Amino acid sequence: MSSHDNHVYVRSQTEFEYLKRKRKESMRTQVTTFSIMIFLTLISFTAVVAGFSKYYIIPIILLLAAVQVVLQLYYFMHMSEKNHNIPAYFIYFAAMVGFTFLLTFITIVWW
């Protein structure tokens, strides 16, 4: 067997249809998630333009930003797919450490 001996795998029609359907579902989910994130951004801009109090706007924007981070990690970084358990663990652990760090310093500054 030389380096020029290549084996070509040809998919059956059933496999092709299955992959086509899965990719279509994935694309629909991506577009839906992107639309939701654009809507959340519009809500943030609308809250700022409407002239609400900064004590109302800041928590709303931070909450919407957190939702967008979760959506991006889960859908655009493909954390919803199988066999992504170890990267998901590290990302969630880093988020927990970061949140604890932030909470600690907010507590130190305010007290």
PDB file of N, CA and C in Angstrom:
ATOM      1  N   MET A   1       0.844  -1.164   0.000  1.00  0.00           N
ATOM      2  CA  MET A   1       0.000   0.000   0.000  1.00  0.00           C
ATOM      3  C   MET A   1       0.898   1.237   0.000  1.00  0.00           C
ATOM      4  N   SER A   2       0.765   2.057  -0.978  1.00  0.00           N
ATOM      5  CA  SER A   2       1.571   3.267  -1.063  1.00  0.00           C
ATOM      6  C   SER A   2       0.764   4.456  -0.548  1.00  0.00           C
ATOM      7  N   SER A   3       1.428   5.597  -0.507  1.00  0.00           N
ATOM      8  CA  SER A   3       0.756   6.790  -0.001  1.00  0.00           C
ATOM      9  C   SER A   3      -0.303   7.313  -0.966  1.00  0.00           C
ATOM     10  N   HIS A   4      -0.316   6.783  -2.194  1.00  0.00           N
ATOM     11  CA  HIS A   4      -1.282   7.236  -3.180  1.00  0.00           C
ATOM     12  C   HIS A   4      -2.570   6.417  -3.173  1.00  0.00           C
ATOM     13  N   ASP A   5      -2.605   5.375  -2.357  1.00  0.00           N
ATOM     14  CA  ASP A   5      -3.818   4.565  -2.262  1.00  0.00           C
ATOM     15  C   ASP A   5      -4.797   5.239  -1.323  1.00  0.00           C
ATOM     16  N   ASN A   6      -5.780   5.874  -1.882  1.00  0.00           N
ATOM     17  CA  ASN A   6      -6.791   6.567  -1.082  1.00  0.00           C
ATOM     18  C   ASN A   6      -8.104   5.811  -1.179  1.00  0.00           C
ATOM     19  N   HIS A   7      -8.771   5.724  -0.056  1.00  0.00           N
ATOM     20  CA  HIS A   7     -10.075   5.087  -0.017  1.00  0.00           C
ATOM     21  C   HIS A   7     -11.128   6.189   0.072  1.00  0.00           C
ATOM     22  N   VAL A   8     -12.070   6.143  -0.800  1.00  0.00           N
ATOM     23  CA  VAL A   8     -13.126   7.137  -0.833  1.00  0.00           C
ATOM     24  C   VAL A   8     -14.388   6.513  -0.263  1.00  0.00           C
ATOM     25  N   TYR A   9     -14.955   7.195   0.725  1.00  0.00           N
ATOM     26  CA  TYR A   9     -16.196   6.723   1.318  1.00  0.00           C
ATOM     27  C   TYR A   9     -17.341   7.471   0.663  1.00  0.00           C
ATOM     28  N   VAL A  10     -18.242   6.728   0.085  1.00  0.00           N
ATOM     29  CA  VAL A  10     -19.398   7.318  -0.574  1.00  0.00           C
ATOM     30  C   VAL A  10     -20.608   7.105   0.327  1.00  0.00           C
ATOM     31  N   ARG A  11     -21.291   8.184   0.640  1.00  0.00           N
ATOM     32  CA  ARG A  11     -22.455   8.096   1.518  1.00  0.00           C
ATOM     33  C   ARG A  11     -23.655   7.559   0.754  1.00  0.00           C
ATOM     34  N   SER A  12     -24.465   6.848   1.484  1.00  0.00           N
ATOM     35  CA  SER A  12     -25.707   6.363   0.883  1.00  0.00           C
ATOM     36  C   SER A  12     -26.713   7.507   0.837  1.00  0.00           C
ATOM     37  N   GLN A  13     -27.777   7.317   0.135  1.00  0.00           N
ATOM     38  CA  GLN A  13     -28.810   8.348   0.029  1.00  0.00           C
ATOM     39  C   GLN A  13     -29.434   8.627   1.396  1.00  0.00           C
ATOM     40  N   THR A  14     -29.598   7.600   2.200  1.00  0.00           N
ATOM     41  CA  THR A  14     -30.167   7.757   3.542  1.00  0.00           C
ATOM     42  C   THR A  14     -29.245   8.602   4.419  1.00  0.00           C
ATOM     43  N   GLU A  15     -27.938   8.319   4.373  1.00  0.00           N
ATOM     44  CA  GLU A  15     -26.983   9.109   5.145  1.00  0.00           C
ATOM     45  C   GLU A  15     -26.965  10.560   4.666  1.00  0.00           C
ATOM     46  N   PHE A  16     -27.006  10.735   3.371  1.00  0.00           N
ATOM     47  CA  PHE A  16     -27.015  12.079   2.808  1.00  0.00           C
ATOM     48  C   PHE A  16     -28.243  12.858   3.261  1.00  0.00           C
ATOM     49  N   GLU A  17     -29.417  12.240   3.221  1.00  0.00           N
ATOM     50  CA  GLU A  17     -30.651  12.910   3.647  1.00  0.00           C
ATOM     51  C   GLU A  17     -30.620  13.228   5.141  1.00  0.00           C
ATOM     52  N   TYR A  18     -30.082  12.303   5.929  1.00  0.00           N
ATOM     53  CA  TYR A  18     -29.982  12.525   7.367  1.00  0.00           C
ATOM     54  C   TYR A  18     -29.083  13.727   7.667  1.00  0.00           C
ATOM     55  N   LEU A  19     -27.893  13.770   7.046  1.00  0.00           N
ATOM     56  CA  LEU A  19     -26.978  14.896   7.264  1.00  0.00           C
ATOM     57  C   LEU A  19     -27.569  16.205   6.767  1.00  0.00           C
ATOM     58  N   LYS A  20     -28.278  16.152   5.671  1.00  0.00           N
ATOM     59  CA  LYS A  20     -28.913  17.357   5.135  1.00  0.00           C
ATOM     60  C   LYS A  20     -29.960  17.887   6.111  1.00  0.00           C
ATOM     61  N   ARG A  21     -30.752  16.992   6.676  1.00  0.00           N
ATOM     62  CA  ARG A  21     -31.778  17.389   7.644  1.00  0.00           C
ATOM     63  C   ARG A  21     -31.152  17.950   8.916  1.00  0.00           C
ATOM     64  N   LYS A  22     -30.088  17.309   9.406  1.00  0.00           N
ATOM     65  CA  LYS A  22     -29.419  17.781  10.618  1.00  0.00           C
ATOM     66  C   LYS A  22     -28.790  19.159  10.404  1.00  0.00           C
ATOM     67  N   ARG A  23     -28.182  19.369   9.253  1.00  0.00           N
ATOM     68  CA  ARG A  23     -27.575  20.673   8.961  1.00  0.00           C
ATOM     69  C   ARG A  23     -28.630  21.754   8.818  1.00  0.00           C
ATOM     70  N   LYS A  24     -29.775  21.395   8.252  1.00  0.00           N
ATOM     71  CA  LYS A  24     -30.867  22.361   8.120  1.00  0.00           C
ATOM     72  C   LYS A  24     -31.391  22.761   9.496  1.00  0.00           C
ATOM     73  N   GLU A  25     -31.559  21.786  10.380  1.00  0.00           N
ATOM     74  CA  GLU A  25     -32.003  22.079  11.743  1.00  0.00           C
ATOM     75  C   GLU A  25     -30.979  22.950  12.475  1.00  0.00           C
ATOM     76  N   SER A  26     -29.708  22.640  12.284  1.00  0.00           N
ATOM     77  CA  SER A  26     -28.649  23.415  12.924  1.00  0.00           C
ATOM     78  C   SER A  26     -28.653  24.857  12.425  1.00  0.00           C
ATOM     79  N   MET A  27     -28.818  25.033  11.129  1.00  0.00           N
ATOM     80  CA  MET A  27     -28.846  26.386  10.567  1.00  0.00           C
ATOM     81  C   MET A  27     -30.059  27.165  11.077  1.00  0.00           C
ATOM     82  N   ARG A  28     -31.205  26.499  11.170  1.00  0.00           N
ATOM     83  CA  ARG A  28     -32.407  27.158  11.686  1.00  0.00           C
ATOM     84  C   ARG A  28     -32.176  27.608  13.133  1.00  0.00           C
ATOM     85  N   THR A  29     -31.557  26.767  13.920  1.00  0.00           N
ATOM     86  CA  THR A  29     -31.272  27.109  15.313  1.00  0.00           C
ATOM     87  C   THR A  29     -30.304  28.282  15.393  1.00  0.00           C
ATOM     88  N   GLN A  30     -29.276  28.276  14.546  1.00  0.00           N
ATOM     89  CA  GLN A  30     -28.300  29.371  14.540  1.00  0.00           C
ATOM     90  C   GLN A  30     -28.969  30.695  14.186  1.00  0.00           C
ATOM     91  N   VAL A  31     -29.802  30.691  13.160  1.00  0.00           N
ATOM     92  CA  VAL A  31     -30.474  31.921  12.731  1.00  0.00           C
ATOM     93  C   VAL A  31     -31.448  32.400  13.809  1.00  0.00           C
ATOM     94  N   THR A  32     -32.170  31.482  14.427  1.00  0.00           N
ATOM     95  CA  THR A  32     -33.106  31.848  15.494  1.00  0.00           C
ATOM     96  C   THR A  32     -32.355  32.465  16.677  1.00  0.00           C
ATOM     97  N   THR A  33     -31.261  31.845  17.070  1.00  0.00           N
ATOM     98  CA  THR A  33     -30.471  32.354  18.186  1.00  0.00           C
ATOM     99  C   THR A  33     -29.898  33.729  17.855  1.00  0.00           C
ATOM    100  N   PHE A  34     -29.404  33.886  16.640  1.00  0.00           N
ATOM    101  CA  PHE A  34     -28.875  35.184  16.224  1.00  0.00           C
ATOM    102  C   PHE A  34     -29.970  36.246  16.271  1.00  0.00           C
ATOM    103  N   SER A  35     -31.166  35.898  15.834  1.00  0.00           N
ATOM    104  CA  SER A  35     -32.285  36.839  15.869  1.00  0.00           C
ATOM    105  C   SER A  35     -32.636  37.237  17.300  1.00  0.00           C
ATOM    106  N   ILE A  36     -32.616  36.279  18.195  1.00  0.00           N
ATOM    107  CA  ILE A  36     -32.891  36.565  19.608  1.00  0.00           C
ATOM    108  C   ILE A  36     -31.839  37.522  20.165  1.00  0.00           C
ATOM    109  N   MET A  37     -30.577  37.301  19.810  1.00  0.00           N
ATOM    110  CA  MET A  37     -29.521  38.171  20.319  1.00  0.00           C
ATOM    111  C   MET A  37     -29.641  39.584  19.745  1.00  0.00           C
ATOM    112  N   ILE A  38     -30.026  39.712  18.503  1.00  0.00           N
ATOM    113  CA  ILE A  38     -30.250  41.044  17.925  1.00  0.00           C
ATOM    114  C   ILE A  38     -31.405  41.733  18.659  1.00  0.00           C
ATOM    115  N   PHE A  39     -32.474  40.983  18.952  1.00  0.00           N
ATOM    116  CA  PHE A  39     -33.613  41.532  19.678  1.00  0.00           C
ATOM    117  C   PHE A  39     -33.197  42.008  21.077  1.00  0.00           C
ATOM    118  N   LEU A  40     -32.368  41.221  21.765  1.00  0.00           N
ATOM    119  CA  LEU A  40     -31.896  41.617  23.098  1.00  0.00           C
ATOM    120  C   LEU A  40     -31.037  42.882  23.021  1.00  0.00           C
ATOM    121  N   THR A  41     -30.240  42.999  21.968  1.00  0.00           N
ATOM    122  CA  THR A  41     -29.437  44.205  21.777  1.00  0.00           C
ATOM    123  C   THR A  41     -30.342  45.411  21.530  1.00  0.00           C
ATOM    124  N   LEU A  42     -31.386  45.227  20.740  1.00  0.00           N
ATOM    125  CA  LEU A  42     -32.325  46.318  20.489  1.00  0.00           C
ATOM    126  C   LEU A  42     -33.028  46.756  21.775  1.00  0.00           C
ATOM    127  N   ILE A  43     -33.348  45.803  22.637  1.00  0.00           N
ATOM    128  CA  ILE A  43     -33.957  46.156  23.925  1.00  0.00           C
ATOM    129  C   ILE A  43     -32.992  47.023  24.737  1.00  0.00           C
ATOM    130  N   SER A  44     -31.717  46.662  24.732  1.00  0.00           N
ATOM    131  CA  SER A  44     -30.718  47.440  25.472  1.00  0.00           C
ATOM    132  C   SER A  44     -30.614  48.860  24.931  1.00  0.00           C
ATOM    133  N   PHE A  45     -30.519  48.982  23.612  1.00  0.00           N
ATOM    134  CA  PHE A  45     -30.429  50.315  23.011  1.00  0.00           C
ATOM    135  C   PHE A  45     -31.693  51.136  23.279  1.00  0.00           C
ATOM    136  N   THR A  46     -32.833  50.485  23.214  1.00  0.00           N
ATOM    137  CA  THR A  46     -34.093  51.180  23.454  1.00  0.00           C
ATOM    138  C   THR A  46     -34.168  51.692  24.890  1.00  0.00           C
ATOM    139  N   ALA A  47     -33.696  50.897  25.834  1.00  0.00           N
ATOM    140  CA  ALA A  47     -33.713  51.320  27.238  1.00  0.00           C
ATOM    141  C   ALA A  47     -32.827  52.545  27.443  1.00  0.00           C
ATOM    142  N   VAL A  48     -31.697  52.583  26.753  1.00  0.00           N
ATOM    143  CA  VAL A  48     -30.794  53.728  26.893  1.00  0.00           C
ATOM    144  C   VAL A  48     -31.391  54.965  26.229  1.00  0.00           C
ATOM    145  N   VAL A  49     -31.915  54.794  25.013  1.00  0.00           N
ATOM    146  CA  VAL A  49     -32.468  55.936  24.266  1.00  0.00           C
ATOM    147  C   VAL A  49     -33.713  56.492  24.954  1.00  0.00           C
ATOM    148  N   ALA A  50     -34.488  55.628  25.611  1.00  0.00           N
ATOM    149  CA  ALA A  50     -35.725  56.075  26.253  1.00  0.00           C
ATOM    150  C   ALA A  50     -35.458  56.971  27.455  1.00  0.00           C
ATOM    151  N   GLY A  51     -34.231  56.987  27.941  1.00  0.00           N
ATOM    152  CA  GLY A  51     -33.889  57.886  29.029  1.00  0.00           C
ATOM    153  C   GLY A  51     -34.287  57.380  30.402  1.00  0.00           C
ATOM    154  N   PHE A  52     -34.361  56.078  30.581  1.00  0.00           N
ATOM    155  CA  PHE A  52     -34.661  55.524  31.901  1.00  0.00           C
ATOM    156  C   PHE A  52     -33.522  55.826  32.865  1.00  0.00           C
ATOM    157  N   SER A  53     -33.788  55.639  34.134  1.00  0.00           N
ATOM    158  CA  SER A  53     -32.787  55.849  35.167  1.00  0.00           C
ATOM    159  C   SER A  53     -31.635  54.867  34.993  1.00  0.00           C
ATOM    160  N   LYS A  54     -30.417  55.326  35.316  1.00  0.00           N
ATOM    161  CA  LYS A  54     -29.258  54.441  35.166  1.00  0.00           C
ATOM    162  C   LYS A  54     -29.325  53.269  36.148  1.00  0.00           C
ATOM    163  N   TYR A  55     -30.055  53.443  37.247  1.00  0.00           N
ATOM    164  CA  TYR A  55     -30.208  52.349  38.212  1.00  0.00           C
ATOM    165  C   TYR A  55     -31.126  51.259  37.668  1.00  0.00           C
ATOM    166  N   TYR A  56     -31.886  51.581  36.654  1.00  0.00           N
ATOM    167  CA  TYR A  56     -32.735  50.598  35.974  1.00  0.00           C
ATOM    168  C   TYR A  56     -32.020  50.017  34.749  1.00  0.00           C
ATOM    169  N   ILE A  57     -31.314  50.880  34.030  1.00  0.00           N
ATOM    170  CA  ILE A  57     -30.692  50.464  32.774  1.00  0.00           C
ATOM    171  C   ILE A  57     -29.515  49.515  33.007  1.00  0.00           C
ATOM    172  N   ILE A  58     -28.648  49.817  33.942  1.00  0.00           N
ATOM    173  CA  ILE A  58     -27.433  49.025  34.140  1.00  0.00           C
ATOM    174  C   ILE A  58     -27.748  47.562  34.464  1.00  0.00           C
ATOM    175  N   PRO A  59     -28.633  47.263  35.426  1.00  0.00           N
ATOM    176  CA  PRO A  59     -28.928  45.843  35.674  1.00  0.00           C
ATOM    177  C   PRO A  59     -29.573  45.143  34.469  1.00  0.00           C
ATOM    178  N   ILE A  60     -30.432  45.870  33.751  1.00  0.00           N
ATOM    179  CA  ILE A  60     -31.080  45.276  32.575  1.00  0.00           C
ATOM    180  C   ILE A  60     -30.046  44.932  31.508  1.00  0.00           C
ATOM    181  N   ILE A  61     -29.137  45.862  31.243  1.00  0.00           N
ATOM    182  CA  ILE A  61     -28.109  45.614  30.224  1.00  0.00           C
ATOM    183  C   ILE A  61     -27.194  44.471  30.647  1.00  0.00           C
ATOM    184  N   LEU A  62     -26.823  44.418  31.915  1.00  0.00           N
ATOM    185  CA  LEU A  62     -25.973  43.324  32.390  1.00  0.00           C
ATOM    186  C   LEU A  62     -26.689  41.976  32.303  1.00  0.00           C
ATOM    187  N   LEU A  63     -27.969  41.958  32.617  1.00  0.00           N
ATOM    188  CA  LEU A  63     -28.734  40.724  32.510  1.00  0.00           C
ATOM    189  C   LEU A  63     -28.840  40.260  31.058  1.00  0.00           C
ATOM    190  N   LEU A  64     -29.145  41.184  30.156  1.00  0.00           N
ATOM    191  CA  LEU A  64     -29.245  40.825  28.745  1.00  0.00           C
ATOM    192  C   LEU A  64     -27.893  40.397  28.180  1.00  0.00           C
ATOM    193  N   ALA A  65     -26.807  41.018  28.651  1.00  0.00           N
ATOM    194  CA  ALA A  65     -25.467  40.618  28.219  1.00  0.00           C
ATOM    195  C   ALA A  65     -25.146  39.204  28.692  1.00  0.00           C
ATOM    196  N   ALA A  66     -25.539  38.868  29.917  1.00  0.00           N
ATOM    197  CA  ALA A  66     -25.300  37.519  30.431  1.00  0.00           C
ATOM    198  C   ALA A  66     -26.080  36.484  29.612  1.00  0.00           C
ATOM    199  N   VAL A  67     -27.309  36.811  29.260  1.00  0.00           N
ATOM    200  CA  VAL A  67     -28.104  35.906  28.427  1.00  0.00           C
ATOM    201  C   VAL A  67     -27.430  35.709  27.076  1.00  0.00           C
ATOM    202  N   GLN A  68     -26.895  36.777  26.502  1.00  0.00           N
ATOM    203  CA  GLN A  68     -26.231  36.659  25.212  1.00  0.00           C
ATOM    204  C   GLN A  68     -24.952  35.831  25.306  1.00  0.00           C
ATOM    205  N   VAL A  69     -24.223  35.956  26.391  1.00  0.00           N
ATOM    206  CA  VAL A  69     -23.010  35.143  26.569  1.00  0.00           C
ATOM    207  C   VAL A  69     -23.377  33.666  26.610  1.00  0.00           C
ATOM    208  N   VAL A  70     -24.418  33.337  27.350  1.00  0.00           N
ATOM    209  CA  VAL A  70     -24.851  31.939  27.437  1.00  0.00           C
ATOM    210  C   VAL A  70     -25.297  31.430  26.064  1.00  0.00           C
ATOM    211  N   LEU A  71     -26.067  32.231  25.344  1.00  0.00           N
ATOM    212  CA  LEU A  71     -26.507  31.821  24.011  1.00  0.00           C
ATOM    213  C   LEU A  71     -25.327  31.623  23.075  1.00  0.00           C
ATOM    214  N   GLN A  72     -24.356  32.518  23.134  1.00  0.00           N
ATOM    215  CA  GLN A  72     -23.196  32.369  22.260  1.00  0.00           C
ATOM    216  C   GLN A  72     -22.379  31.142  22.606  1.00  0.00           C
ATOM    217  N   LEU A  73     -22.180  30.887  23.879  1.00  0.00           N
ATOM    218  CA  LEU A  73     -21.429  29.691  24.265  1.00  0.00           C
ATOM    219  C   LEU A  73     -22.177  28.425  23.854  1.00  0.00           C
ATOM    220  N   TYR A  74     -23.451  28.411  24.107  1.00  0.00           N
ATOM    221  CA  TYR A  74     -24.211  27.185  23.890  1.00  0.00           C
ATOM    222  C   TYR A  74     -24.434  26.889  22.405  1.00  0.00           C
ATOM    223  N   TYR A  75     -24.725  27.886  21.619  1.00  0.00           N
ATOM    224  CA  TYR A  75     -25.058  27.639  20.214  1.00  0.00           C
ATOM    225  C   TYR A  75     -23.914  27.940  19.252  1.00  0.00           C
ATOM    226  N   PHE A  76     -23.273  29.110  19.370  1.00  0.00           N
ATOM    227  CA  PHE A  76     -22.253  29.471  18.397  1.00  0.00           C
ATOM    228  C   PHE A  76     -20.909  28.819  18.673  1.00  0.00           C
ATOM    229  N   MET A  77     -20.652  28.470  19.916  1.00  0.00           N
ATOM    230  CA  MET A  77     -19.424  27.753  20.236  1.00  0.00           C
ATOM    231  C   MET A  77     -19.670  26.240  20.274  1.00  0.00           C
ATOM    232  N   HIS A  78     -20.842  25.824  19.852  1.00  0.00           N
ATOM    233  CA  HIS A  78     -21.224  24.415  19.680  1.00  0.00           C
ATOM    234  C   HIS A  78     -21.153  23.612  20.982  1.00  0.00           C
ATOM    235  N   MET A  79     -21.466  24.254  22.101  1.00  0.00           N
ATOM    236  CA  MET A  79     -21.455  23.536  23.371  1.00  0.00           C
ATOM    237  C   MET A  79     -22.686  22.631  23.496  1.00  0.00           C
ATOM    238  N   SER A  80     -23.662  22.809  22.628  1.00  0.00           N
ATOM    239  CA  SER A  80     -24.858  21.975  22.680  1.00  0.00           C
ATOM    240  C   SER A  80     -24.651  20.629  21.994  1.00  0.00           C
ATOM    241  N   GLU A  81     -23.534  20.479  21.298  1.00  0.00           N
ATOM    242  CA  GLU A  81     -23.287  19.228  20.590  1.00  0.00           C
ATOM    243  C   GLU A  81     -22.679  18.191  21.521  1.00  0.00           C
ATOM    244  N   LYS A  82     -22.700  16.954  21.079  1.00  0.00           N
ATOM    245  CA  LYS A  82     -22.142  15.863  21.876  1.00  0.00           C
ATOM    246  C   LYS A  82     -20.619  15.976  21.958  1.00  0.00           C
ATOM    247  N   ASN A  83     -20.065  15.340  22.973  1.00  0.00           N
ATOM    248  CA  ASN A  83     -18.618  15.239  23.188  1.00  0.00           C
ATOM    249  C   ASN A  83     -17.943  16.588  23.419  1.00  0.00           C
ATOM    250  N   HIS A  84     -18.654  17.535  24.001  1.00  0.00           N
ATOM    251  CA  HIS A  84     -18.061  18.808  24.376  1.00  0.00           C
ATOM    252  C   HIS A  84     -18.113  18.987  25.893  1.00  0.00           C
ATOM    253  N   ASN A  85     -18.056  17.895  26.618  1.00  0.00           N
ATOM    254  CA  ASN A  85     -18.201  17.951  28.071  1.00  0.00           C
ATOM    255  C   ASN A  85     -16.987  18.565  28.756  1.00  0.00           C
ATOM    256  N   ILE A  86     -15.788  18.187  28.334  1.00  0.00           N
ATOM    257  CA  ILE A  86     -14.576  18.703  28.984  1.00  0.00           C
ATOM    258  C   ILE A  86     -14.416  20.208  28.731  1.00  0.00           C
ATOM    259  N   PRO A  87     -14.520  20.690  27.482  1.00  0.00           N
ATOM    260  CA  PRO A  87     -14.446  22.153  27.301  1.00  0.00           C
ATOM    261  C   PRO A  87     -15.556  22.889  28.057  1.00  0.00           C
ATOM    262  N   ALA A  88     -16.749  22.313  28.095  1.00  0.00           N
ATOM    263  CA  ALA A  88     -17.853  22.947  28.824  1.00  0.00           C
ATOM    264  C   ALA A  88     -17.517  23.034  30.312  1.00  0.00           C
ATOM    265  N   TYR A  89     -16.945  21.980  30.847  1.00  0.00           N
ATOM    266  CA  TYR A  89     -16.558  21.985  32.258  1.00  0.00           C
ATOM    267  C   TYR A  89     -15.577  23.118  32.540  1.00  0.00           C
ATOM    268  N   PHE A  90     -14.550  23.268  31.714  1.00  0.00           N
ATOM    269  CA  PHE A  90     -13.557  24.308  31.932  1.00  0.00           C
ATOM    270  C   PHE A  90     -14.155  25.704  31.778  1.00  0.00           C
ATOM    271  N   ILE A  91     -15.036  25.879  30.823  1.00  0.00           N
ATOM    272  CA  ILE A  91     -15.666  27.187  30.636  1.00  0.00           C
ATOM    273  C   ILE A  91     -16.550  27.531  31.823  1.00  0.00           C
ATOM    274  N   TYR A  92     -17.350  26.580  32.281  1.00  0.00           N
ATOM    275  CA  TYR A  92     -18.227  26.832  33.419  1.00  0.00           C
ATOM    276  C   TYR A  92     -17.426  27.048  34.703  1.00  0.00           C
ATOM    277  N   PHE A  93     -16.349  26.299  34.862  1.00  0.00           N
ATOM    278  CA  PHE A  93     -15.496  26.482  36.035  1.00  0.00           C
ATOM    279  C   PHE A  93     -14.853  27.867  36.017  1.00  0.00           C
ATOM    280  N   ALA A  94     -14.362  28.295  34.846  1.00  0.00           N
ATOM    281  CA  ALA A  94     -13.759  29.629  34.736  1.00  0.00           C
ATOM    282  C   ALA A  94     -14.800  30.710  34.996  1.00  0.00           C
ATOM    283  N   ALA A  95     -16.020  30.513  34.525  1.00  0.00           N
ATOM    284  CA  ALA A  95     -17.083  31.491  34.780  1.00  0.00           C
ATOM    285  C   ALA A  95     -17.389  31.565  36.276  1.00  0.00           C
ATOM    286  N   MET A  96     -17.395  30.416  36.939  1.00  0.00           N
ATOM    287  CA  MET A  96     -17.655  30.396  38.375  1.00  0.00           C
ATOM    288  C   MET A  96     -16.533  31.102  39.141  1.00  0.00           C
ATOM    289  N   VAL A  97     -15.288  30.852  38.765  1.00  0.00           N
ATOM    290  CA  VAL A  97     -14.150  31.516  39.415  1.00  0.00           C
ATOM    291  C   VAL A  97     -14.211  33.019  39.156  1.00  0.00           C
ATOM    292  N   GLY A  98     -14.512  33.410  37.922  1.00  0.00           N
ATOM    293  CA  GLY A  98     -14.611  34.828  37.585  1.00  0.00           C
ATOM    294  C   GLY A  98     -15.723  35.517  38.356  1.00  0.00           C
ATOM    295  N   PHE A  99     -16.873  34.864  38.461  1.00  0.00           N
ATOM    296  CA  PHE A  99     -17.992  35.438  39.212  1.00  0.00           C
ATOM    297  C   PHE A  99     -17.639  35.571  40.690  1.00  0.00           C
ATOM    298  N   THR A 100     -16.978  34.563  41.253  1.00  0.00           N
ATOM    299  CA  THR A 100     -16.565  34.610  42.655  1.00  0.00           C
ATOM    300  C   THR A 100     -15.555  35.739  42.876  1.00  0.00           C
ATOM    301  N   PHE A 101     -14.612  35.868  41.959  1.00  0.00           N
ATOM    302  CA  PHE A 101     -13.615  36.936  42.027  1.00  0.00           C
ATOM    303  C   PHE A 101     -14.293  38.306  41.986  1.00  0.00           C
ATOM    304  N   LEU A 102     -15.204  38.486  41.056  1.00  0.00           N
ATOM    305  CA  LEU A 102     -15.924  39.752  40.921  1.00  0.00           C
ATOM    306  C   LEU A 102     -16.754  40.047  42.169  1.00  0.00           C
ATOM    307  N   LEU A 103     -17.485  39.057  42.651  1.00  0.00           N
ATOM    308  CA  LEU A 103     -18.307  39.232  43.845  1.00  0.00           C
ATOM    309  C   LEU A 103     -17.449  39.577  45.065  1.00  0.00           C
ATOM    310  N   THR A 104     -16.288  38.948  45.170  1.00  0.00           N
ATOM    311  CA  THR A 104     -15.381  39.227  46.288  1.00  0.00           C
ATOM    312  C   THR A 104     -14.926  40.680  46.282  1.00  0.00           C
ATOM    313  N   PHE A 105     -14.498  41.154  45.128  1.00  0.00           N
ATOM    314  CA  PHE A 105     -14.001  42.520  45.084  1.00  0.00           C
ATOM    315  C   PHE A 105     -15.095  43.564  45.184  1.00  0.00           C
ATOM    316  N   ILE A 106     -16.285  43.253  44.700  1.00  0.00           N
ATOM    317  CA  ILE A 106     -17.414  44.166  44.897  1.00  0.00           C
ATOM    318  C   ILE A 106     -17.739  44.255  46.383  1.00  0.00           C
ATOM    319  N   THR A 107     -17.704  43.117  47.060  1.00  0.00           N
ATOM    320  CA  THR A 107     -17.979  43.100  48.496  1.00  0.00           C
ATOM    321  C   THR A 107     -16.917  43.887  49.265  1.00  0.00           C
ATOM    322  N   ILE A 108     -15.652  43.720  48.893  1.00  0.00           N
ATOM    323  CA  ILE A 108     -14.567  44.444  49.576  1.00  0.00           C
ATOM    324  C   ILE A 108     -14.709  45.949  49.353  1.00  0.00           C
ATOM    325  N   VAL A 109     -15.027  46.366  48.162  1.00  0.00           N
ATOM    326  CA  VAL A 109     -15.124  47.792  47.862  1.00  0.00           C
ATOM    327  C   VAL A 109     -16.325  48.423  48.555  1.00  0.00           C
ATOM    328  N   TRP A 110     -17.447  47.737  48.579  1.00  0.00           N
ATOM    329  CA  TRP A 110     -18.662  48.325  49.135  1.00  0.00           C
ATOM    330  C   TRP A 110     -18.740  48.249  50.646  1.00  0.00           C
ATOM    331  N   TRP A 111     -17.974  47.357  51.283  1.00  0.00           N
ATOM    332  CA  TRP A 111     -18.034  47.277  52.745  1.00  0.00           C
ATOM    333  C   TRP A 111     -16.774  47.810  53.264  1.00  0.00           C
TER     334      TRP A 111
END
